[in-house]
Amino acid sequence: MKQYNQRGTDAHTYTVLALTLTGTAIGGFTLSAVSQWQGKILALIIVIGWGLGVRWWSRTRPHHTSDTH
């Protein structure tokens, strides 16, 4: 196992990965639980809220990287 000096970047990557997996699990569970149009609207709201949350979170990070996802 290599030790990386860029702890900030690694922490950023792992946090995004964990949040993505959590969001995907919640979204998938919601879609499978409610497959009607209410479920689709709820999923849309989750996706929009997710995008806004990620933008806010990356904006409040102490150092900005040239990372574009």
Protein backbone atom coordinates (compact mmCIF):
# COMPACT_ATOMS: atom_id res chain seq x y z
CA MET A 1 0.00 0.00 0.00
CA LYS A 2 1.38 3.37 -1.01
CA GLN A 3 1.10 6.32 1.34
CA TYR A 4 -0.15 9.41 -0.45
CA ASN A 5 0.84 12.89 0.61
CA GLN A 6 -2.25 14.44 -0.97
CA ARG A 7 -4.52 13.57 1.93
CA GLY A 8 -6.97 16.31 1.00
CA THR A 9 -7.50 14.92 -2.48
CA ASP A 10 -7.90 11.36 -1.19
CA ALA A 11 -10.35 12.44 1.50
CA HIS A 12 -12.27 14.39 -1.13
CA THR A 13 -12.40 11.34 -3.42
CA TYR A 14 -13.50 8.96 -0.67
CA THR A 15 -16.14 11.40 0.59
CA VAL A 16 -17.59 11.85 -2.89
CA LEU A 17 -17.54 8.08 -3.41
CA ALA A 18 -19.31 7.42 -0.10
CA LEU A 19 -21.91 10.12 -0.76
CA THR A 20 -22.49 8.83 -4.28
CA LEU A 21 -22.99 5.26 -3.07
CA THR A 22 -25.36 6.44 -0.34
CA GLY A 23 -27.32 8.60 -2.74
CA THR A 24 -27.52 5.80 -5.28
CA ALA A 25 -28.72 3.34 -2.65
CA ILE A 26 -31.38 5.76 -1.39
CA GLY A 27 -32.47 6.58 -4.94
CA GLY A 28 -32.61 2.94 -5.97
CA PHE A 29 -34.57 1.97 -2.87
CA THR A 30 -36.99 4.83 -3.41
CA LEU A 31 -37.52 3.94 -7.07
CA SER A 32 -38.08 0.26 -6.31
CA ALA A 33 -40.38 1.05 -3.38
CA VAL A 34 -42.47 3.60 -5.28
CA SER A 35 -42.45 3.01 -9.03
CA GLN A 36 -45.36 5.36 -9.71
CA TRP A 37 -45.11 8.95 -10.95
CA GLN A 38 -44.82 10.16 -7.34
CA GLY A 39 -41.65 8.07 -7.08
CA LYS A 40 -40.23 9.62 -10.24
CA ILE A 41 -40.92 13.13 -8.94
CA LEU A 42 -39.32 12.21 -5.62
CA ALA A 43 -36.28 10.83 -7.43
CA LEU A 44 -36.04 14.04 -9.47
CA ILE A 45 -36.16 16.10 -6.27
CA ILE A 46 -33.45 13.89 -4.75
CA VAL A 47 -31.23 14.30 -7.82
CA ILE A 48 -31.69 18.09 -7.87
CA GLY A 49 -31.05 18.35 -4.13
CA TRP A 50 -28.01 16.09 -4.54
CA GLY A 51 -26.57 18.31 -7.28
CA LEU A 52 -27.15 21.46 -5.24
CA GLY A 53 -25.61 19.84 -2.17
CA VAL A 54 -22.50 18.79 -4.07
CA ARG A 55 -22.10 22.29 -5.55
CA TRP A 56 -22.51 23.89 -2.11
CA TRP A 57 -20.14 21.37 -0.51
CA SER A 58 -17.43 21.87 -3.13
CA ARG A 59 -17.87 25.65 -2.83
CA THR A 60 -17.29 25.55 0.94
CA ARG A 61 -14.10 23.47 0.63
CA PRO A 62 -11.01 25.20 2.09
CA HIS A 63 -8.93 24.82 -1.08
CA HIS A 64 -10.25 24.74 -4.61
CA THR A 65 -8.72 22.25 -7.01
CA SER A 66 -8.86 22.26 -10.79
CA ASP A 67 -10.93 19.07 -10.56
CA THR A 68 -13.89 19.07 -12.92
CA HIS A 69 -16.35 16.24 -12.55
